[in-house]
Amino acid sequence: MDRGPLMEILKSMIGSDKELDLTLMGDDDPIEIRNVVEVEPLLSANGLRIATKQNYIWLDASHVSAAWQARDDV
């Protein structure tokens, strides 16, 4: 997956209650991302750094096989 669509989705999540589930190739359990504070591209072609209220996440978007927004608890 390209990082462009993920960047757009993650940036729209900043300051919202939206949650994003990601499935990585070879893994059956999705990773849930929420409470996004900041998103920035890395120097690599598909790298992202995601800051949430709880964690810092470094992600290579080329390893993401699926992404979906589970819910918006507003």
PDB file of N, CA and C in Angstrom:
ATOM      1  N   MET A   1       0.846  -1.167   0.000  1.00  0.00           N
ATOM      2  CA  MET A   1       0.000   0.000   0.000  1.00  0.00           C
ATOM      3  C   MET A   1       0.894   1.234   0.000  1.00  0.00           C
ATOM      4  N   ASP A   2       0.495   2.247  -0.741  1.00  0.00           N
ATOM      5  CA  ASP A   2       1.205   3.529  -0.721  1.00  0.00           C
ATOM      6  C   ASP A   2       0.930   4.245   0.588  1.00  0.00           C
ATOM      7  N   ARG A   3       1.852   5.107   0.990  1.00  0.00           N
ATOM      8  CA  ARG A   3       1.624   5.817   2.240  1.00  0.00           C
ATOM      9  C   ARG A   3       0.680   7.001   2.070  1.00  0.00           C
ATOM     10  N   GLY A   4       0.485   7.492   0.841  1.00  0.00           N
ATOM     11  CA  GLY A   4      -0.374   8.657   0.615  1.00  0.00           C
ATOM     12  C   GLY A   4      -1.774   8.508   1.185  1.00  0.00           C
ATOM     13  N   PRO A   5      -2.500   7.431   0.834  1.00  0.00           N
ATOM     14  CA  PRO A   5      -3.845   7.262   1.394  1.00  0.00           C
ATOM     15  C   PRO A   5      -3.845   7.112   2.919  1.00  0.00           C
ATOM     16  N   LEU A   6      -2.853   6.403   3.452  1.00  0.00           N
ATOM     17  CA  LEU A   6      -2.779   6.259   4.908  1.00  0.00           C
ATOM     18  C   LEU A   6      -2.503   7.600   5.580  1.00  0.00           C
ATOM     19  N   MET A   7      -1.624   8.396   4.993  1.00  0.00           N
ATOM     20  CA  MET A   7      -1.334   9.731   5.541  1.00  0.00           C
ATOM     21  C   MET A   7      -2.609  10.559   5.592  1.00  0.00           C
ATOM     22  N   GLU A   8      -3.381  10.527   4.514  1.00  0.00           N
ATOM     23  CA  GLU A   8      -4.618  11.310   4.440  1.00  0.00           C
ATOM     24  C   GLU A   8      -5.602  10.878   5.527  1.00  0.00           C
ATOM     25  N   ILE A   9      -5.787   9.566   5.671  1.00  0.00           N
ATOM     26  CA  ILE A   9      -6.710   9.040   6.683  1.00  0.00           C
ATOM     27  C   ILE A   9      -6.218   9.391   8.084  1.00  0.00           C
ATOM     28  N   LEU A  10      -4.940   9.159   8.354  1.00  0.00           N
ATOM     29  CA  LEU A  10      -4.398   9.412   9.683  1.00  0.00           C
ATOM     30  C   LEU A  10      -4.440  10.897  10.037  1.00  0.00           C
ATOM     31  N   LYS A  11      -4.160  11.769   9.089  1.00  0.00           N
ATOM     32  CA  LYS A  11      -4.225  13.211   9.360  1.00  0.00           C
ATOM     33  C   LYS A  11      -5.649  13.638   9.679  1.00  0.00           C
ATOM     34  N   SER A  12      -6.638  13.011   9.011  1.00  0.00           N
ATOM     35  CA  SER A  12      -8.032  13.359   9.302  1.00  0.00           C
ATOM     36  C   SER A  12      -8.457  12.880  10.686  1.00  0.00           C
ATOM     37  N   MET A  13      -7.695  11.973  11.274  1.00  0.00           N
ATOM     38  CA  MET A  13      -8.004  11.437  12.591  1.00  0.00           C
ATOM     39  C   MET A  13      -7.465  12.302  13.728  1.00  0.00           C
ATOM     40  N   ILE A  14      -6.580  13.236  13.439  1.00  0.00           N
ATOM     41  CA  ILE A  14      -5.971  14.052  14.485  1.00  0.00           C
ATOM     42  C   ILE A  14      -7.058  14.806  15.237  1.00  0.00           C
ATOM     43  N   GLY A  15      -7.070  14.622  16.551  1.00  0.00           N
ATOM     44  CA  GLY A  15      -8.030  15.296  17.408  1.00  0.00           C
ATOM     45  C   GLY A  15      -9.442  14.733  17.370  1.00  0.00           C
ATOM     46  N   SER A  16      -9.640  13.598  16.710  1.00  0.00           N
ATOM     47  CA  SER A  16     -10.978  13.000  16.625  1.00  0.00           C
ATOM     48  C   SER A  16     -11.034  11.699  17.424  1.00  0.00           C
ATOM     49  N   ASP A  17     -12.224  11.118  17.493  1.00  0.00           N
ATOM     50  CA  ASP A  17     -12.401   9.829  18.164  1.00  0.00           C
ATOM     51  C   ASP A  17     -12.336   8.664  17.186  1.00  0.00           C
ATOM     52  N   LYS A  18     -11.957   8.927  15.940  1.00  0.00           N
ATOM     53  CA  LYS A  18     -11.903   7.870  14.935  1.00  0.00           C
ATOM     54  C   LYS A  18     -10.826   6.854  15.276  1.00  0.00           C
ATOM     55  N   GLU A  19     -11.061   5.609  14.893  1.00  0.00           N
ATOM     56  CA  GLU A  19     -10.096   4.529  15.073  1.00  0.00           C
ATOM     57  C   GLU A  19      -9.819   3.899  13.716  1.00  0.00           C
ATOM     58  N   LEU A  20      -8.586   3.470  13.512  1.00  0.00           N
ATOM     59  CA  LEU A  20      -8.188   2.837  12.268  1.00  0.00           C
ATOM     60  C   LEU A  20      -7.585   1.480  12.584  1.00  0.00           C
ATOM     61  N   ASP A  21      -8.062   0.449  11.907  1.00  0.00           N
ATOM     62  CA  ASP A  21      -7.494  -0.889  12.040  1.00  0.00           C
ATOM     63  C   ASP A  21      -6.633  -1.172  10.817  1.00  0.00           C
ATOM     64  N   LEU A  22      -5.434  -1.688  11.045  1.00  0.00           N
ATOM     65  CA  LEU A  22      -4.515  -2.049   9.969  1.00  0.00           C
ATOM     66  C   LEU A  22      -4.195  -3.532  10.066  1.00  0.00           C
ATOM     67  N   THR A  23      -4.190  -4.207   8.946  1.00  0.00           N
ATOM     68  CA  THR A  23      -3.728  -5.586   8.900  1.00  0.00           C
ATOM     69  C   THR A  23      -2.401  -5.597   8.161  1.00  0.00           C
ATOM     70  N   LEU A  24      -1.385  -6.198   8.768  1.00  0.00           N
ATOM     71  CA  LEU A  24      -0.068  -6.303   8.153  1.00  0.00           C
ATOM     72  C   LEU A  24       0.057  -7.665   7.492  1.00  0.00           C
ATOM     73  N   MET A  25       0.778  -7.719   6.395  1.00  0.00           N
ATOM     74  CA  MET A  25       0.973  -8.974   5.681  1.00  0.00           C
ATOM     75  C   MET A  25       1.515 -10.043   6.615  1.00  0.00           C
ATOM     76  N   GLY A  26       0.895 -11.215   6.574  1.00  0.00           N
ATOM     77  CA  GLY A  26       1.341 -12.333   7.383  1.00  0.00           C
ATOM     78  C   GLY A  26       0.819 -12.323   8.809  1.00  0.00           C
ATOM     79  N   ASP A  27      -0.024 -11.348   9.164  1.00  0.00           N
ATOM     80  CA  ASP A  27      -0.555 -11.257  10.522  1.00  0.00           C
ATOM     81  C   ASP A  27      -2.075 -11.237  10.455  1.00  0.00           C
ATOM     82  N   ASP A  28      -2.720 -12.052  11.278  1.00  0.00           N
ATOM     83  CA  ASP A  28      -4.177 -12.148  11.264  1.00  0.00           C
ATOM     84  C   ASP A  28      -4.855 -11.125  12.163  1.00  0.00           C
ATOM     85  N   ASP A  29      -4.161 -10.621  13.157  1.00  0.00           N
ATOM     86  CA  ASP A  29      -4.752  -9.687  14.105  1.00  0.00           C
ATOM     87  C   ASP A  29      -4.495  -8.246  13.671  1.00  0.00           C
ATOM     88  N   PRO A  30      -5.556  -7.455  13.509  1.00  0.00           N
ATOM     89  CA  PRO A  30      -5.345  -6.066  13.108  1.00  0.00           C
ATOM     90  C   PRO A  30      -4.731  -5.236  14.235  1.00  0.00           C
ATOM     91  N   ILE A  31      -4.009  -4.216  13.843  1.00  0.00           N
ATOM     92  CA  ILE A  31      -3.446  -3.243  14.776  1.00  0.00           C
ATOM     93  C   ILE A  31      -4.432  -2.083  14.822  1.00  0.00           C
ATOM     94  N   GLU A  32      -4.816  -1.659  16.014  1.00  0.00           N
ATOM     95  CA  GLU A  32      -5.762  -0.554  16.159  1.00  0.00           C
ATOM     96  C   GLU A  32      -4.990   0.719  16.476  1.00  0.00           C
ATOM     97  N   ILE A  33      -5.265   1.761  15.709  1.00  0.00           N
ATOM     98  CA  ILE A  33      -4.635   3.055  15.933  1.00  0.00           C
ATOM     99  C   ILE A  33      -5.731   4.044  16.298  1.00  0.00           C
ATOM    100  N   ARG A  34      -5.531   4.766  17.403  1.00  0.00           N
ATOM    101  CA  ARG A  34      -6.497   5.778  17.843  1.00  0.00           C
ATOM    102  C   ARG A  34      -5.763   6.876  18.598  1.00  0.00           C
ATOM    103  N   ASN A  35      -6.462   7.958  18.890  1.00  0.00           N
ATOM    104  CA  ASN A  35      -5.893   9.111  19.600  1.00  0.00           C
ATOM    105  C   ASN A  35      -4.669   9.665  18.870  1.00  0.00           C
ATOM    106  N   VAL A  36      -4.789   9.825  17.552  1.00  0.00           N
ATOM    107  CA  VAL A  36      -3.676  10.321  16.743  1.00  0.00           C
ATOM    108  C   VAL A  36      -3.412  11.793  17.070  1.00  0.00           C
ATOM    109  N   VAL A  37      -2.138  12.104  17.297  1.00  0.00           N
ATOM    110  CA  VAL A  37      -1.716  13.463  17.613  1.00  0.00           C
ATOM    111  C   VAL A  37      -0.951  14.076  16.435  1.00  0.00           C
ATOM    112  N   GLU A  38      -0.121  13.249  15.769  1.00  0.00           N
ATOM    113  CA  GLU A  38       0.729  13.758  14.694  1.00  0.00           C
ATOM    114  C   GLU A  38       1.085  12.623  13.745  1.00  0.00           C
ATOM    115  N   VAL A  39       1.220  12.960  12.462  1.00  0.00           N
ATOM    116  CA  VAL A  39       1.639  11.994  11.437  1.00  0.00           C
ATOM    117  C   VAL A  39       2.653  12.681  10.547  1.00  0.00           C
ATOM    118  N   GLU A  40       3.761  11.988  10.252  1.00  0.00           N
ATOM    119  CA  GLU A  40       4.740  12.572   9.339  1.00  0.00           C
ATOM    120  C   GLU A  40       5.377  11.479   8.489  1.00  0.00           C
ATOM    121  N   PRO A  41       5.706  11.825   7.236  1.00  0.00           N
ATOM    122  CA  PRO A  41       6.400  10.855   6.383  1.00  0.00           C
ATOM    123  C   PRO A  41       7.857  10.742   6.806  1.00  0.00           C
ATOM    124  N   LEU A  42       8.420   9.562   6.624  1.00  0.00           N
ATOM    125  CA  LEU A  42       9.848   9.350   6.866  1.00  0.00           C
ATOM    126  C   LEU A  42      10.592   9.444   5.535  1.00  0.00           C
ATOM    127  N   LEU A  43      11.906   9.435   5.568  1.00  0.00           N
ATOM    128  CA  LEU A  43      12.692   9.561   4.347  1.00  0.00           C
ATOM    129  C   LEU A  43      12.540   8.366   3.417  1.00  0.00           C
ATOM    130  N   SER A  44      12.211   7.200   3.965  1.00  0.00           N
ATOM    131  CA  SER A  44      12.019   6.026   3.120  1.00  0.00           C
ATOM    132  C   SER A  44      10.786   6.218   2.244  1.00  0.00           C
ATOM    133  N   ALA A  45      10.655   5.419   1.195  1.00  0.00           N
ATOM    134  CA  ALA A  45       9.576   5.596   0.225  1.00  0.00           C
ATOM    135  C   ALA A  45       8.185   5.464   0.829  1.00  0.00           C
ATOM    136  N   ASN A  46       7.990   4.556   1.800  1.00  0.00           N
ATOM    137  CA  ASN A  46       6.666   4.316   2.363  1.00  0.00           C
ATOM    138  C   ASN A  46       6.617   4.427   3.881  1.00  0.00           C
ATOM    139  N   GLY A  47       7.633   5.022   4.484  1.00  0.00           N
ATOM    140  CA  GLY A  47       7.689   5.096   5.940  1.00  0.00           C
ATOM    141  C   GLY A  47       6.816   6.195   6.523  1.00  0.00           C
ATOM    142  N   LEU A  48       6.235   5.914   7.678  1.00  0.00           N
ATOM    143  CA  LEU A  48       5.409   6.868   8.423  1.00  0.00           C
ATOM    144  C   LEU A  48       5.804   6.837   9.887  1.00  0.00           C
ATOM    145  N   ARG A  49       5.718   7.991  10.531  1.00  0.00           N
ATOM    146  CA  ARG A  49       5.822   8.051  11.991  1.00  0.00           C
ATOM    147  C   ARG A  49       4.501   8.585  12.488  1.00  0.00           C
ATOM    148  N   ILE A  50       3.854   7.814  13.353  1.00  0.00           N
ATOM    149  CA  ILE A  50       2.547   8.168  13.885  1.00  0.00           C
ATOM    150  C   ILE A  50       2.707   8.376  15.380  1.00  0.00           C
ATOM    151  N   ALA A  51       2.323   9.551  15.869  1.00  0.00           N
ATOM    152  CA  ALA A  51       2.331   9.815  17.306  1.00  0.00           C
ATOM    153  C   ALA A  51       0.889   9.770  17.789  1.00  0.00           C
ATOM    154  N   THR A  52       0.641   8.932  18.791  1.00  0.00           N
ATOM    155  CA  THR A  52      -0.671   8.899  19.432  1.00  0.00           C
ATOM    156  C   THR A  52      -0.483   9.372  20.869  1.00  0.00           C
ATOM    157  N   LYS A  53      -1.580   9.511  21.595  1.00  0.00           N
ATOM    158  CA  LYS A  53      -1.466   9.915  22.996  1.00  0.00           C
ATOM    159  C   LYS A  53      -0.722   8.865  23.813  1.00  0.00           C
ATOM    160  N   GLN A  54      -0.755   7.599  23.362  1.00  0.00           N
ATOM    161  CA  GLN A  54      -0.143   6.521  24.119  1.00  0.00           C
ATOM    162  C   GLN A  54       1.209   6.070  23.587  1.00  0.00           C
ATOM    163  N   ASN A  55       1.450   6.186  22.255  1.00  0.00           N
ATOM    164  CA  ASN A  55       2.620   5.565  21.638  1.00  0.00           C
ATOM    165  C   ASN A  55       3.180   6.380  20.483  1.00  0.00           C
ATOM    166  N   TYR A  56       4.394   6.006  20.113  1.00  0.00           N
ATOM    167  CA  TYR A  56       4.970   6.411  18.833  1.00  0.00           C
ATOM    168  C   TYR A  56       5.022   5.149  17.981  1.00  0.00           C
ATOM    169  N   ILE A  57       4.564   5.246  16.740  1.00  0.00           N
ATOM    170  CA  ILE A  57       4.510   4.089  15.851  1.00  0.00           C
ATOM    171  C   ILE A  57       5.286   4.421  14.590  1.00  0.00           C
ATOM    172  N   TRP A  58       6.243   3.581  14.217  1.00  0.00           N
ATOM    173  CA  TRP A  58       6.951   3.701  12.957  1.00  0.00           C
ATOM    174  C   TRP A  58       6.447   2.574  12.071  1.00  0.00           C
ATOM    175  N   LEU A  59       5.979   2.921  10.876  1.00  0.00           N
ATOM    176  CA  LEU A  59       5.287   1.964  10.032  1.00  0.00           C
ATOM    177  C   LEU A  59       5.772   2.080   8.603  1.00  0.00           C
ATOM    178  N   ASP A  60       5.991   0.959   7.956  1.00  0.00           N
ATOM    179  CA  ASP A  60       6.273   0.937   6.521  1.00  0.00           C
ATOM    180  C   ASP A  60       4.967   0.569   5.826  1.00  0.00           C
ATOM    181  N   ALA A  61       4.366   1.519   5.132  1.00  0.00           N
ATOM    182  CA  ALA A  61       3.047   1.323   4.524  1.00  0.00           C
ATOM    183  C   ALA A  61       3.033   0.192   3.503  1.00  0.00           C
ATOM    184  N   SER A  62       4.177  -0.166   2.944  1.00  0.00           N
ATOM    185  CA  SER A  62       4.201  -1.248   1.957  1.00  0.00           C
ATOM    186  C   SER A  62       3.902  -2.611   2.595  1.00  0.00           C
ATOM    187  N   HIS A  63       3.940  -2.688   3.933  1.00  0.00           N
ATOM    188  CA  HIS A  63       3.616  -3.931   4.632  1.00  0.00           C
ATOM    189  C   HIS A  63       2.138  -4.007   5.029  1.00  0.00           C
ATOM    190  N   VAL A  64       1.383  -2.926   4.795  1.00  0.00           N
ATOM    191  CA  VAL A  64      -0.031  -2.907   5.148  1.00  0.00           C
ATOM    192  C   VAL A  64      -0.820  -3.553   4.021  1.00  0.00           C
ATOM    193  N   SER A  65      -1.593  -4.584   4.347  1.00  0.00           N
ATOM    194  CA  SER A  65      -2.390  -5.260   3.323  1.00  0.00           C
ATOM    195  C   SER A  65      -3.844  -4.803   3.335  1.00  0.00           C
ATOM    196  N   ALA A  66      -4.308  -4.220   4.436  1.00  0.00           N
ATOM    197  CA  ALA A  66      -5.680  -3.718   4.509  1.00  0.00           C
ATOM    198  C   ALA A  66      -5.765  -2.649   5.584  1.00  0.00           C
ATOM    199  N   ALA A  67      -6.661  -1.682   5.391  1.00  0.00           N
ATOM    200  CA  ALA A  67      -6.897  -0.638   6.388  1.00  0.00           C
ATOM    201  C   ALA A  67      -8.371  -0.295   6.349  1.00  0.00           C
ATOM    202  N   TRP A  68      -8.980  -0.162   7.522  1.00  0.00           N
ATOM    203  CA  TRP A  68     -10.379   0.226   7.571  1.00  0.00           C
ATOM    204  C   TRP A  68     -10.653   0.960   8.874  1.00  0.00           C
ATOM    205  N   GLN A  69     -11.591   1.902   8.805  1.00  0.00           N
ATOM    206  CA  GLN A  69     -11.996   2.615   9.993  1.00  0.00           C
ATOM    207  C   GLN A  69     -13.138   1.859  10.632  1.00  0.00           C
ATOM    208  N   ALA A  70     -12.893   1.400  11.846  1.00  0.00           N
ATOM    209  CA  ALA A  70     -13.851   0.538  12.530  1.00  0.00           C
ATOM    210  C   ALA A  70     -15.076   1.306  12.993  1.00  0.00           C
ATOM    211  N   ARG A  71     -14.861   2.489  13.560  1.00  0.00           N
ATOM    212  CA  ARG A  71     -15.993   3.259  14.059  1.00  0.00           C
ATOM    213  C   ARG A  71     -15.547   4.674  14.371  1.00  0.00           C
ATOM    214  N   ASP A  72     -16.532   5.515  14.562  1.00  0.00           N
ATOM    215  CA  ASP A  72     -16.311   6.903  14.970  1.00  0.00           C
ATOM    216  C   ASP A  72     -17.214   7.138  16.178  1.00  0.00           C
ATOM    217  N   ASP A  73     -16.672   7.028  17.371  1.00  0.00           N
ATOM    218  CA  ASP A  73     -17.466   7.129  18.595  1.00  0.00           C
ATOM    219  C   ASP A  73     -17.690   8.582  18.980  1.00  0.00           C
ATOM    220  N   VAL A  74     -18.680   9.179  18.368  1.00  0.00           N
ATOM    221  CA  VAL A  74     -18.992  10.577  18.673  1.00  0.00           C
ATOM    222  C   VAL A  74     -20.332  10.652  19.346  1.00  0.00           C
TER     223      VAL A  74
END
